[in-house]
Amino acid sequence: MNIKSPTAEHAAYPSLADKRVLVTGGGAGIGEALVEAFARQGAHVLFIDILDVPSQTLVQRLAAKAAHAPIYRHCDLRDIDAIRRTIAQLEKEVGGVDVLINNAANDDRHRVNDVTPEYWDERIAINLRHLFFAAQAVVPGMRRAGGGAIINLGSISWHLGLADLVLYQTAKAGIEGLTRGLARDLGPDNIRVNTIVPGNVQTPRQQQWYTAEEEKEIVSAQCLKARIQPEDVAALALFLASDDARMCTAQQYFVDAGWR
């Protein structure tokens, strides 16, 4: 998958050129597509992850073809001090963050009877807590710049009530409440906050959970009969981050092919 300039197949958003965009969990899956999509728009893309090898490979792949080579930093988002330190270092390097995309999450399956208090805390830390503290870290710079955009990645799972995901779904439901609360508090600073709610996106990680027959069942339940790709999610993120979406905030936007 080679990076390409915007064409008839890729919308171009002039307002994203040279914007400083921070993506969490940008090394693989939807995150990788986000990094590539914003790099294609000429943005300064910064991303954090714990997957060093794929993240470094992504930087190398995009560096020669993007207007600005992406910058990768290792960061465990369960560690709030590490989040603050890493974001401060990145802001110092590029001068601030205009767009934050809270993408990182982990949807490991679990059963109700197996959940301990320690596992509960760890799942919430991975799937909900860091979104708030990453936002908290970038807000001062956004205020100084006169505004910004925060995009949180939710999930279709809790809307459907899927099995063996109760903690993940609890966190993802919380993200939509977090979005609305932040949008209200940060609106006077011209900081927009929205949630993207992906359906079942065809990534290598998701394919480990489903057989070919189960994938057919997912498509059958959708209004649109095709598998959602990471690029489909990235396309919506580009719009919500751009000035074209200047009056869009406090909302949930579904990319689920009508899987309800």
C-alpha atoms as a PDB file:
ATOM      1  CA  MET A   1       0.000   0.000   0.000  1.00  0.00           C
ATOM      2  CA  ASN A   2       1.885   3.053  -1.229  1.00  0.00           C
ATOM      3  CA  ILE A   3       1.094   6.587  -0.165  1.00  0.00           C
ATOM      4  CA  LYS A   4      -0.534   8.643  -2.902  1.00  0.00           C
ATOM      5  CA  SER A   5      -1.399  12.287  -3.304  1.00  0.00           C
ATOM      6  CA  PRO A   6      -5.124  13.117  -3.179  1.00  0.00           C
ATOM      7  CA  THR A   7      -6.804  12.138  -6.445  1.00  0.00           C
ATOM      8  CA  ALA A   8     -10.350  11.637  -7.593  1.00  0.00           C
ATOM      9  CA  GLU A   9     -10.295   8.620  -5.251  1.00  0.00           C
ATOM     10  CA  HIS A  10      -9.070  10.631  -2.257  1.00  0.00           C
ATOM     11  CA  ALA A  11     -10.649  13.884  -1.103  1.00  0.00           C
ATOM     12  CA  ALA A  12      -8.166  16.708  -0.553  1.00  0.00           C
ATOM     13  CA  TYR A  13      -8.577  18.997   2.463  1.00  0.00           C
ATOM     14  CA  PRO A  14      -6.339  22.061   2.067  1.00  0.00           C
ATOM     15  CA  SER A  15      -6.928  23.021   5.698  1.00  0.00           C
ATOM     16  CA  LEU A  16      -5.101  19.858   6.834  1.00  0.00           C
ATOM     17  CA  ALA A  17      -1.819  20.750   5.127  1.00  0.00           C
ATOM     18  CA  ASP A  18       0.856  21.359   7.774  1.00  0.00           C
ATOM     19  CA  LYS A  19      -1.560  20.602  10.613  1.00  0.00           C
ATOM     20  CA  ARG A  20       0.014  18.772  13.543  1.00  0.00           C
ATOM     21  CA  VAL A  21      -1.944  15.543  13.985  1.00  0.00           C
ATOM     22  CA  LEU A  22      -1.359  13.109  16.864  1.00  0.00           C
ATOM     23  CA  VAL A  23      -2.665   9.550  16.491  1.00  0.00           C
ATOM     24  CA  THR A  24      -2.626   7.055  19.356  1.00  0.00           C
ATOM     25  CA  GLY A  25      -2.185   3.413  18.401  1.00  0.00           C
ATOM     26  CA  GLY A  26      -0.979   4.465  14.956  1.00  0.00           C
ATOM     27  CA  GLY A  27       1.252   1.507  14.168  1.00  0.00           C
ATOM     28  CA  ALA A  28      -1.273  -0.976  12.769  1.00  0.00           C
ATOM     29  CA  GLY A  29      -4.877  -1.514  11.701  1.00  0.00           C
ATOM     30  CA  ILE A  30      -7.111   1.557  11.681  1.00  0.00           C
ATOM     31  CA  GLY A  31      -4.293   3.578  13.231  1.00  0.00           C
ATOM     32  CA  GLU A  32      -1.974   2.834  10.340  1.00  0.00           C
ATOM     33  CA  ALA A  33      -4.641   3.964   7.872  1.00  0.00           C
ATOM     34  CA  LEU A  34      -5.100   7.178   9.868  1.00  0.00           C
ATOM     35  CA  VAL A  35      -1.375   7.921   9.822  1.00  0.00           C
ATOM     36  CA  GLU A  36      -1.201   7.344   6.078  1.00  0.00           C
ATOM     37  CA  ALA A  37      -4.334   9.349   5.290  1.00  0.00           C
ATOM     38  CA  PHE A  38      -3.181  12.426   7.177  1.00  0.00           C
ATOM     39  CA  ALA A  39       0.340  12.140   5.768  1.00  0.00           C
ATOM     40  CA  ARG A  40      -1.218  12.129   2.293  1.00  0.00           C
ATOM     41  CA  GLN A  41      -2.872  15.452   3.139  1.00  0.00           C
ATOM     42  CA  GLY A  42       0.483  17.053   3.932  1.00  0.00           C
ATOM     43  CA  ALA A  43      -0.016  17.048   7.710  1.00  0.00           C
ATOM     44  CA  HIS A  44       2.728  16.702  10.306  1.00  0.00           C
ATOM     45  CA  VAL A  45       1.724  13.277  11.631  1.00  0.00           C
ATOM     46  CA  LEU A  46       2.866  12.205  15.084  1.00  0.00           C
ATOM     47  CA  PHE A  47       1.884   8.816  16.406  1.00  0.00           C
ATOM     48  CA  ILE A  48       2.412   6.728  19.510  1.00  0.00           C
ATOM     49  CA  ASP A  49       2.151   2.993  20.023  1.00  0.00           C
ATOM     50  CA  ILE A  50       3.832   0.069  21.768  1.00  0.00           C
ATOM     51  CA  LEU A  51       4.342  -1.836  18.494  1.00  0.00           C
ATOM     52  CA  ASP A  52       7.849  -0.696  17.644  1.00  0.00           C
ATOM     53  CA  VAL A  53       8.642  -2.791  14.574  1.00  0.00           C
ATOM     54  CA  PRO A  54       5.452  -2.116  12.547  1.00  0.00           C
ATOM     55  CA  SER A  55       5.515   1.543  13.631  1.00  0.00           C
ATOM     56  CA  GLN A  56       9.101   2.029  12.493  1.00  0.00           C
ATOM     57  CA  THR A  57       8.336   0.203   9.256  1.00  0.00           C
ATOM     58  CA  LEU A  58       5.398   2.544   8.664  1.00  0.00           C
ATOM     59  CA  VAL A  59       7.600   5.610   9.172  1.00  0.00           C
ATOM     60  CA  GLN A  60      10.159   4.264   6.703  1.00  0.00           C
ATOM     61  CA  ARG A  61       7.468   3.476   4.142  1.00  0.00           C
ATOM     62  CA  LEU A  62       5.919   6.942   4.271  1.00  0.00           C
ATOM     63  CA  ALA A  63       8.966   9.120   4.896  1.00  0.00           C
ATOM     64  CA  ALA A  64      10.121   9.469   1.301  1.00  0.00           C
ATOM     65  CA  LYS A  65       6.653  10.071  -0.116  1.00  0.00           C
ATOM     66  CA  ALA A  66       5.036  12.397   2.431  1.00  0.00           C
ATOM     67  CA  ALA A  67       5.496  16.152   2.638  1.00  0.00           C
ATOM     68  CA  HIS A  68       6.454  15.605   6.280  1.00  0.00           C
ATOM     69  CA  ALA A  69       7.889  12.318   7.497  1.00  0.00           C
ATOM     70  CA  PRO A  70       5.729  10.889  10.316  1.00  0.00           C
ATOM     71  CA  ILE A  71       7.242  10.905  13.793  1.00  0.00           C
ATOM     72  CA  TYR A  72       6.843   7.801  15.977  1.00  0.00           C
ATOM     73  CA  ARG A  73       7.311   7.512  19.745  1.00  0.00           C
ATOM     74  CA  HIS A  74       6.929   4.432  21.912  1.00  0.00           C
ATOM     75  CA  CYS A  75       4.394   5.041  24.683  1.00  0.00           C
ATOM     76  CA  ASP A  76       2.381   2.713  26.913  1.00  0.00           C
ATOM     77  CA  LEU A  77      -0.950   4.498  27.257  1.00  0.00           C
ATOM     78  CA  ARG A  78      -1.662   2.771  30.555  1.00  0.00           C
ATOM     79  CA  ASP A  79       1.024   5.022  32.054  1.00  0.00           C
ATOM     80  CA  ILE A  80      -0.430   8.533  32.470  1.00  0.00           C
ATOM     81  CA  ASP A  81       2.954  10.088  33.258  1.00  0.00           C
ATOM     82  CA  ALA A  82       4.325   8.557  30.056  1.00  0.00           C
ATOM     83  CA  ILE A  83       1.425  10.033  28.070  1.00  0.00           C
ATOM     84  CA  ARG A  84       2.055  13.502  29.463  1.00  0.00           C
ATOM     85  CA  ARG A  85       5.813  13.259  28.972  1.00  0.00           C
ATOM     86  CA  THR A  86       5.574  11.916  25.412  1.00  0.00           C
ATOM     87  CA  ILE A  87       3.004  14.485  24.285  1.00  0.00           C
ATOM     88  CA  ALA A  88       5.037  17.312  25.830  1.00  0.00           C
ATOM     89  CA  GLN A  89       8.124  16.130  23.948  1.00  0.00           C
ATOM     90  CA  LEU A  90       6.240  15.873  20.656  1.00  0.00           C
ATOM     91  CA  GLU A  91       4.661  19.301  21.113  1.00  0.00           C
ATOM     92  CA  LYS A  92       8.091  20.756  21.773  1.00  0.00           C
ATOM     93  CA  GLU A  93       9.372  19.190  18.560  1.00  0.00           C
ATOM     94  CA  VAL A  94       6.629  20.472  16.259  1.00  0.00           C
ATOM     95  CA  GLY A  95       5.157  23.373  18.206  1.00  0.00           C
ATOM     96  CA  GLY A  96       1.861  21.884  19.351  1.00  0.00           C
ATOM     97  CA  VAL A  97      -0.990  19.550  18.373  1.00  0.00           C
ATOM     98  CA  ASP A  98      -3.900  20.749  16.240  1.00  0.00           C
ATOM     99  CA  VAL A  99      -5.705  17.419  15.950  1.00  0.00           C
ATOM    100  CA  LEU A 100      -5.767  14.529  18.431  1.00  0.00           C
ATOM    101  CA  ILE A 101      -7.117  11.171  17.303  1.00  0.00           C
ATOM    102  CA  ASN A 102      -7.666   8.852  20.256  1.00  0.00           C
ATOM    103  CA  ASN A 103      -7.573   5.569  18.387  1.00  0.00           C
ATOM    104  CA  ALA A 104      -5.715   3.085  20.612  1.00  0.00           C
ATOM    105  CA  ALA A 105      -7.742   0.249  22.151  1.00  0.00           C
ATOM    106  CA  ASN A 106      -7.693  -3.490  22.786  1.00  0.00           C
ATOM    107  CA  ASP A 107     -10.724  -5.735  22.297  1.00  0.00           C
ATOM    108  CA  ASP A 108      -9.489  -8.976  23.857  1.00  0.00           C
ATOM    109  CA  ARG A 109     -12.421 -11.248  24.678  1.00  0.00           C
ATOM    110  CA  HIS A 110     -13.302 -12.026  28.286  1.00  0.00           C
ATOM    111  CA  ARG A 111     -16.033 -13.767  30.250  1.00  0.00           C
ATOM    112  CA  VAL A 112     -17.936 -12.216  33.131  1.00  0.00           C
ATOM    113  CA  ASN A 113     -16.875 -14.851  35.661  1.00  0.00           C
ATOM    114  CA  ASP A 114     -13.192 -14.362  34.852  1.00  0.00           C
ATOM    115  CA  VAL A 115     -13.066 -10.605  35.475  1.00  0.00           C
ATOM    116  CA  THR A 116     -11.074  -9.522  38.525  1.00  0.00           C
ATOM    117  CA  PRO A 117     -10.794  -5.966  39.893  1.00  0.00           C
ATOM    118  CA  GLU A 118      -7.258  -5.859  38.517  1.00  0.00           C
ATOM    119  CA  TYR A 119      -8.386  -6.910  35.044  1.00  0.00           C
ATOM    120  CA  TRP A 120     -11.226  -4.369  35.163  1.00  0.00           C
ATOM    121  CA  ASP A 121      -8.773  -1.566  35.944  1.00  0.00           C
ATOM    122  CA  GLU A 122      -6.363  -2.671  33.221  1.00  0.00           C
ATOM    123  CA  ARG A 123      -9.099  -2.858  30.555  1.00  0.00           C
ATOM    124  CA  ILE A 124     -10.444   0.585  31.463  1.00  0.00           C
ATOM    125  CA  ALA A 125      -6.913   1.975  31.390  1.00  0.00           C
ATOM    126  CA  ILE A 126      -6.366   0.578  27.884  1.00  0.00           C
ATOM    127  CA  ASN A 127      -9.755   1.448  26.436  1.00  0.00           C
ATOM    128  CA  LEU A 128     -11.020   4.608  28.150  1.00  0.00           C
ATOM    129  CA  ARG A 129      -8.824   6.392  30.693  1.00  0.00           C
ATOM    130  CA  HIS A 130      -6.004   7.432  28.365  1.00  0.00           C
ATOM    131  CA  LEU A 131      -8.396   9.244  25.998  1.00  0.00           C
ATOM    132  CA  PHE A 132      -9.171  11.806  28.665  1.00  0.00           C
ATOM    133  CA  PHE A 133      -5.581  12.351  29.729  1.00  0.00           C
ATOM    134  CA  ALA A 134      -4.303  12.623  26.156  1.00  0.00           C
ATOM    135  CA  ALA A 135      -6.989  15.245  25.529  1.00  0.00           C
ATOM    136  CA  GLN A 136      -6.091  17.033  28.753  1.00  0.00           C
ATOM    137  CA  ALA A 137      -2.441  17.153  27.642  1.00  0.00           C
ATOM    138  CA  VAL A 138      -3.126  18.750  24.235  1.00  0.00           C
ATOM    139  CA  VAL A 139      -5.855  21.209  25.241  1.00  0.00           C
ATOM    140  CA  PRO A 140      -3.552  23.996  26.515  1.00  0.00           C
ATOM    141  CA  GLY A 141      -1.744  24.125  23.169  1.00  0.00           C
ATOM    142  CA  MET A 142      -5.027  24.053  21.262  1.00  0.00           C
ATOM    143  CA  ARG A 143      -6.291  26.973  23.336  1.00  0.00           C
ATOM    144  CA  ARG A 144      -3.180  28.979  22.562  1.00  0.00           C
ATOM    145  CA  ALA A 145      -3.609  28.188  18.863  1.00  0.00           C
ATOM    146  CA  GLY A 146      -7.227  29.337  18.856  1.00  0.00           C
ATOM    147  CA  GLY A 147      -8.847  25.910  18.531  1.00  0.00           C
ATOM    148  CA  GLY A 148      -8.420  22.305  17.534  1.00  0.00           C
ATOM    149  CA  ALA A 149     -10.152  18.978  16.974  1.00  0.00           C
ATOM    150  CA  ILE A 150     -10.299  15.829  19.069  1.00  0.00           C
ATOM    151  CA  ILE A 151     -11.610  12.634  17.486  1.00  0.00           C
ATOM    152  CA  ASN A 152     -12.308   9.627  19.703  1.00  0.00           C
ATOM    153  CA  LEU A 153     -12.718   6.119  18.285  1.00  0.00           C
ATOM    154  CA  GLY A 154     -15.725   4.314  19.695  1.00  0.00           C
ATOM    155  CA  SER A 155     -17.159   0.951  18.673  1.00  0.00           C
ATOM    156  CA  ILE A 156     -20.324  -0.549  17.239  1.00  0.00           C
ATOM    157  CA  SER A 157     -19.962  -3.421  19.722  1.00  0.00           C
ATOM    158  CA  TRP A 158     -21.840  -1.883  22.645  1.00  0.00           C
ATOM    159  CA  HIS A 159     -24.625  -0.665  20.354  1.00  0.00           C
ATOM    160  CA  LEU A 160     -25.101  -4.281  19.298  1.00  0.00           C
ATOM    161  CA  GLY A 161     -24.426  -5.897  22.678  1.00  0.00           C
ATOM    162  CA  LEU A 162     -21.902  -8.479  21.482  1.00  0.00           C
ATOM    163  CA  ALA A 163     -20.821 -11.419  23.623  1.00  0.00           C
ATOM    164  CA  ASP A 164     -17.621 -11.701  25.695  1.00  0.00           C
ATOM    165  CA  LEU A 165     -16.777  -7.986  25.476  1.00  0.00           C
ATOM    166  CA  VAL A 166     -18.489  -6.471  28.506  1.00  0.00           C
ATOM    167  CA  LEU A 167     -15.514  -4.415  29.724  1.00  0.00           C
ATOM    168  CA  TYR A 168     -14.566  -3.265  26.241  1.00  0.00           C
ATOM    169  CA  GLN A 169     -18.174  -2.266  25.600  1.00  0.00           C
ATOM    170  CA  THR A 170     -18.384  -0.465  28.938  1.00  0.00           C
ATOM    171  CA  ALA A 171     -15.325   1.576  27.980  1.00  0.00           C
ATOM    172  CA  LYS A 172     -16.553   2.269  24.463  1.00  0.00           C
ATOM    173  CA  ALA A 173     -19.948   3.414  25.748  1.00  0.00           C
ATOM    174  CA  GLY A 174     -18.080   5.719  28.123  1.00  0.00           C
ATOM    175  CA  ILE A 175     -16.193   7.260  25.204  1.00  0.00           C
ATOM    176  CA  GLU A 176     -19.405   8.653  23.775  1.00  0.00           C
ATOM    177  CA  GLY A 177     -20.211  10.276  27.120  1.00  0.00           C
ATOM    178  CA  LEU A 178     -16.647  11.579  27.343  1.00  0.00           C
ATOM    179  CA  THR A 179     -17.000  13.100  23.886  1.00  0.00           C
ATOM    180  CA  ARG A 180     -20.159  14.997  24.738  1.00  0.00           C
ATOM    181  CA  GLY A 181     -18.769  16.260  28.031  1.00  0.00           C
ATOM    182  CA  LEU A 182     -15.502  17.454  26.516  1.00  0.00           C
ATOM    183  CA  ALA A 183     -17.318  19.055  23.589  1.00  0.00           C
ATOM    184  CA  ARG A 184     -19.405  21.125  25.992  1.00  0.00           C
ATOM    185  CA  ASP A 185     -16.480  22.192  28.172  1.00  0.00           C
ATOM    186  CA  LEU A 186     -14.065  22.899  25.317  1.00  0.00           C
ATOM    187  CA  GLY A 187     -16.474  24.457  22.825  1.00  0.00           C
ATOM    188  CA  PRO A 188     -15.841  28.022  24.060  1.00  0.00           C
ATOM    189  CA  ASP A 189     -12.175  27.468  23.149  1.00  0.00           C
ATOM    190  CA  ASN A 190     -13.150  26.472  19.586  1.00  0.00           C
ATOM    191  CA  ILE A 191     -12.087  22.877  20.255  1.00  0.00           C
ATOM    192  CA  ARG A 192     -14.378  20.375  18.555  1.00  0.00           C
ATOM    193  CA  VAL A 193     -14.797  16.845  19.933  1.00  0.00           C
ATOM    194  CA  ASN A 194     -16.471  13.981  18.064  1.00  0.00           C
ATOM    195  CA  THR A 195     -16.649  10.199  18.120  1.00  0.00           C
ATOM    196  CA  ILE A 196     -16.249   7.899  15.137  1.00  0.00           C
ATOM    197  CA  VAL A 197     -18.069   4.611  15.662  1.00  0.00           C
ATOM    198  CA  PRO A 198     -16.602   1.951  13.362  1.00  0.00           C
ATOM    199  CA  GLY A 199     -18.435  -1.227  12.523  1.00  0.00           C
ATOM    200  CA  ASN A 200     -16.538  -4.461  11.963  1.00  0.00           C
ATOM    201  CA  VAL A 201     -13.436  -3.246  10.148  1.00  0.00           C
ATOM    202  CA  GLN A 202     -11.419  -5.792   8.178  1.00  0.00           C
ATOM    203  CA  THR A 203      -8.024  -5.631   9.870  1.00  0.00           C
ATOM    204  CA  PRO A 204      -5.648  -8.522  10.582  1.00  0.00           C
ATOM    205  CA  ARG A 205      -6.533  -8.291  14.272  1.00  0.00           C
ATOM    206  CA  GLN A 206     -10.273  -8.479  13.666  1.00  0.00           C
ATOM    207  CA  GLN A 207      -9.898 -11.402  11.299  1.00  0.00           C
ATOM    208  CA  GLN A 208      -8.444 -13.495  14.110  1.00  0.00           C
ATOM    209  CA  TRP A 209     -11.808 -13.376  15.893  1.00  0.00           C
ATOM    210  CA  TYR A 210     -13.994 -14.496  12.967  1.00  0.00           C
ATOM    211  CA  THR A 211     -14.177 -17.456  10.627  1.00  0.00           C
ATOM    212  CA  ALA A 212     -14.935 -16.893   6.949  1.00  0.00           C
ATOM    213  CA  GLU A 213     -18.493 -18.009   7.612  1.00  0.00           C
ATOM    214  CA  GLU A 214     -18.885 -15.530  10.479  1.00  0.00           C
ATOM    215  CA  GLU A 215     -17.586 -12.738   8.254  1.00  0.00           C
ATOM    216  CA  LYS A 216     -20.302 -13.612   5.745  1.00  0.00           C
ATOM    217  CA  GLU A 217     -22.868 -13.344   8.548  1.00  0.00           C
ATOM    218  CA  ILE A 218     -21.587  -9.857   9.442  1.00  0.00           C
ATOM    219  CA  VAL A 219     -21.877  -8.696   5.840  1.00  0.00           C
ATOM    220  CA  SER A 220     -25.339 -10.224   5.606  1.00  0.00           C
ATOM    221  CA  ALA A 221     -26.434  -8.153   8.640  1.00  0.00           C
ATOM    222  CA  GLN A 222     -25.143  -4.935   7.070  1.00  0.00           C
ATOM    223  CA  CYS A 223     -27.178  -2.760   4.718  1.00  0.00           C
ATOM    224  CA  LEU A 224     -24.111  -2.439   2.472  1.00  0.00           C
ATOM    225  CA  LYS A 225     -22.730  -5.794   1.391  1.00  0.00           C
ATOM    226  CA  ALA A 226     -18.983  -5.248   1.617  1.00  0.00           C
ATOM    227  CA  ARG A 227     -16.341  -5.399   4.334  1.00  0.00           C
ATOM    228  CA  ILE A 228     -15.430  -2.082   5.919  1.00  0.00           C
ATOM    229  CA  GLN A 229     -11.770  -1.158   5.398  1.00  0.00           C
ATOM    230  CA  PRO A 230      -9.507   0.940   7.669  1.00  0.00           C
ATOM    231  CA  GLU A 231      -9.391   3.565   4.911  1.00  0.00           C
ATOM    232  CA  ASP A 232     -13.152   4.031   5.254  1.00  0.00           C
ATOM    233  CA  VAL A 233     -12.700   5.093   8.869  1.00  0.00           C
ATOM    234  CA  ALA A 234      -9.746   7.317   7.983  1.00  0.00           C
ATOM    235  CA  ALA A 235     -11.816   9.082   5.325  1.00  0.00           C
ATOM    236  CA  LEU A 236     -14.321  10.235   7.941  1.00  0.00           C
ATOM    237  CA  ALA A 237     -11.538  11.273  10.316  1.00  0.00           C
ATOM    238  CA  LEU A 238     -10.068  13.523   7.619  1.00  0.00           C
ATOM    239  CA  PHE A 239     -13.366  15.344   7.230  1.00  0.00           C
ATOM    240  CA  LEU A 240     -13.954  15.747  10.972  1.00  0.00           C
ATOM    241  CA  ALA A 241     -10.421  17.077  11.473  1.00  0.00           C
ATOM    242  CA  SER A 242     -10.699  19.566   8.617  1.00  0.00           C
ATOM    243  CA  ASP A 243     -12.121  23.072   8.597  1.00  0.00           C
ATOM    244  CA  ASP A 244     -14.967  21.730   6.465  1.00  0.00           C
ATOM    245  CA  ALA A 245     -16.366  20.246   9.708  1.00  0.00           C
ATOM    246  CA  ARG A 246     -15.964  23.478  11.665  1.00  0.00           C
ATOM    247  CA  MET A 247     -19.496  23.306  13.094  1.00  0.00           C
ATOM    248  CA  CYS A 248     -19.488  19.563  13.858  1.00  0.00           C
ATOM    249  CA  THR A 249     -19.009  18.685  17.520  1.00  0.00           C
ATOM    250  CA  ALA A 250     -20.438  16.518  20.342  1.00  0.00           C
ATOM    251  CA  GLN A 251     -21.635  13.893  17.850  1.00  0.00           C
ATOM    252  CA  GLN A 252     -21.236  10.210  17.038  1.00  0.00           C
ATOM    253  CA  TYR A 253     -20.588   9.345  13.381  1.00  0.00           C
ATOM    254  CA  PHE A 254     -21.034   5.727  12.336  1.00  0.00           C
ATOM    255  CA  VAL A 255     -18.952   3.916   9.713  1.00  0.00           C
ATOM    256  CA  ASP A 256     -20.689   0.577  10.039  1.00  0.00           C
ATOM    257  CA  ALA A 257     -22.222  -0.164   6.624  1.00  0.00           C
ATOM    258  CA  GLY A 258     -25.599  -0.078   8.352  1.00  0.00           C
ATOM    259  CA  TRP A 259     -24.861  -2.935  10.796  1.00  0.00           C
ATOM    260  CA  ARG A 260     -27.504  -2.322  13.464  1.00  0.00           C
END
